[in-house]
Amino acid sequence: MFKSLNPLLHSELRLAIMSLLISTEEAEFPYIKEQTGATAGNLSVQIDKLSAAGYIEVEKTFKGKKPCTLCRITPAGLKAFEEYVDALKSYLNLSK
């Protein structure tokens, strides 16, 4: 039986953001933008959606006089990602 896929994580860009944040402790907005190839506007919207869901934490600070947006995955985000991967596996025939 198939498990349902989390629609919030099923978006390609949101999934890319979450995957990136799992592999790094934290990431700055320009790094995430570069790695995902997203536009700043689209990335900002998707980060807001993940943040509103409690999947990531967003910290806005300054580096000198330049604004700096830092993103980190939350324990709830990690759990949601793990459940998403588990659900995805249910669609694959992994038995040999």
Protein backbone atom coordinates (compact mmCIF):
# COMPACT_ATOMS: atom_id res chain seq x y z
CA MET A 1 0.00 0.00 0.00
CA PHE A 2 1.25 3.46 -0.87
CA LYS A 3 1.79 6.10 1.79
CA SER A 4 0.73 9.64 0.97
CA LEU A 5 3.43 12.09 -0.02
CA ASN A 6 3.65 15.34 1.95
CA PRO A 7 2.46 17.96 -0.58
CA LEU A 8 4.59 20.65 1.05
CA LEU A 9 7.75 18.63 0.43
CA HIS A 10 6.67 17.29 -2.95
CA SER A 11 7.53 20.61 -4.60
CA GLU A 12 10.88 20.33 -6.40
CA LEU A 13 12.32 23.54 -4.95
CA ARG A 14 11.11 22.95 -1.38
CA LEU A 15 12.48 19.41 -1.54
CA ALA A 16 15.82 20.78 -2.80
CA ILE A 17 15.94 23.32 0.05
CA MET A 18 15.23 20.63 2.64
CA SER A 19 17.78 18.24 1.12
CA LEU A 20 20.40 20.97 1.15
CA LEU A 21 19.70 21.90 4.76
CA ILE A 22 19.88 18.26 5.88
CA SER A 23 23.40 18.01 4.49
CA THR A 24 24.55 21.28 6.07
CA GLU A 25 24.06 22.58 9.59
CA GLU A 26 22.85 25.92 8.22
CA ALA A 27 22.96 27.79 4.95
CA GLU A 28 22.79 31.41 3.88
CA PHE A 29 20.21 32.56 1.32
CA PRO A 30 22.76 33.23 -1.50
CA TYR A 31 24.21 29.73 -1.10
CA ILE A 32 20.77 28.10 -1.26
CA LYS A 33 19.92 30.28 -4.28
CA GLU A 34 23.13 29.24 -6.05
CA GLN A 35 22.72 25.54 -5.27
CA THR A 36 19.06 25.37 -6.31
CA GLY A 37 19.22 27.72 -9.29
CA ALA A 38 16.06 29.43 -8.04
CA THR A 39 15.24 33.09 -8.46
CA ALA A 40 15.48 35.17 -5.29
CA GLY A 41 11.73 35.84 -5.30
CA ASN A 42 10.68 32.21 -5.73
CA LEU A 43 13.23 31.03 -3.17
CA SER A 44 12.00 33.58 -0.66
CA VAL A 45 8.39 32.42 -1.08
CA GLN A 46 9.33 28.74 -0.68
CA ILE A 47 11.48 29.45 2.39
CA ASP A 48 8.52 31.31 3.91
CA LYS A 49 6.27 28.28 3.30
CA LEU A 50 8.75 25.90 4.91
CA SER A 51 9.23 28.28 7.82
CA ALA A 52 5.46 28.69 8.34
CA ALA A 53 5.16 24.89 8.50
CA GLY A 54 7.87 24.78 11.17
CA TYR A 55 10.21 22.77 8.94
CA ILE A 56 12.98 25.34 8.87
CA GLU A 57 14.12 28.19 11.08
CA VAL A 58 15.00 31.51 9.44
CA GLU A 59 17.30 33.99 11.13
CA LYS A 60 17.74 37.45 9.65
CA THR A 61 20.92 39.19 10.77
CA PHE A 62 23.60 41.42 9.33
CA LYS A 63 27.15 40.74 8.18
CA GLY A 64 28.67 44.12 8.63
CA LYS A 65 26.12 46.35 6.92
CA LYS A 66 24.75 43.67 4.59
CA PRO A 67 21.60 41.72 5.49
CA CYS A 68 22.10 38.00 5.98
CA THR A 69 19.33 35.38 5.94
CA LEU A 70 20.36 32.11 7.57
CA CYS A 71 18.25 28.93 7.30
CA ARG A 72 18.37 25.80 9.46
CA ILE A 73 16.27 22.65 9.41
CA THR A 74 14.21 22.05 12.56
CA PRO A 75 13.61 18.69 14.28
CA ALA A 76 10.05 18.80 12.87
CA GLY A 77 11.49 19.43 9.41
CA LEU A 78 13.88 16.52 9.72
CA LYS A 79 11.04 14.24 10.82
CA ALA A 80 8.82 15.41 7.94
CA PHE A 81 11.66 14.83 5.46
CA GLU A 82 12.32 11.33 6.81
CA GLU A 83 8.60 10.52 6.56
CA TYR A 84 8.54 11.87 3.00
CA VAL A 85 11.47 9.64 1.99
CA ASP A 86 9.80 6.66 3.69
CA ALA A 87 6.55 7.37 1.82
CA LEU A 88 8.47 7.70 -1.45
CA LYS A 89 10.05 4.30 -0.85
CA SER A 90 6.56 2.79 -0.59
CA TYR A 91 6.11 3.61 -4.29
CA LEU A 92 9.23 1.70 -5.25
CA ASN A 93 9.61 -2.03 -5.37
CA LEU A 94 12.79 -2.31 -3.33
CA SER A 95 12.58 -6.05 -2.69
CA LYS A 96 14.91 -8.08 -4.87
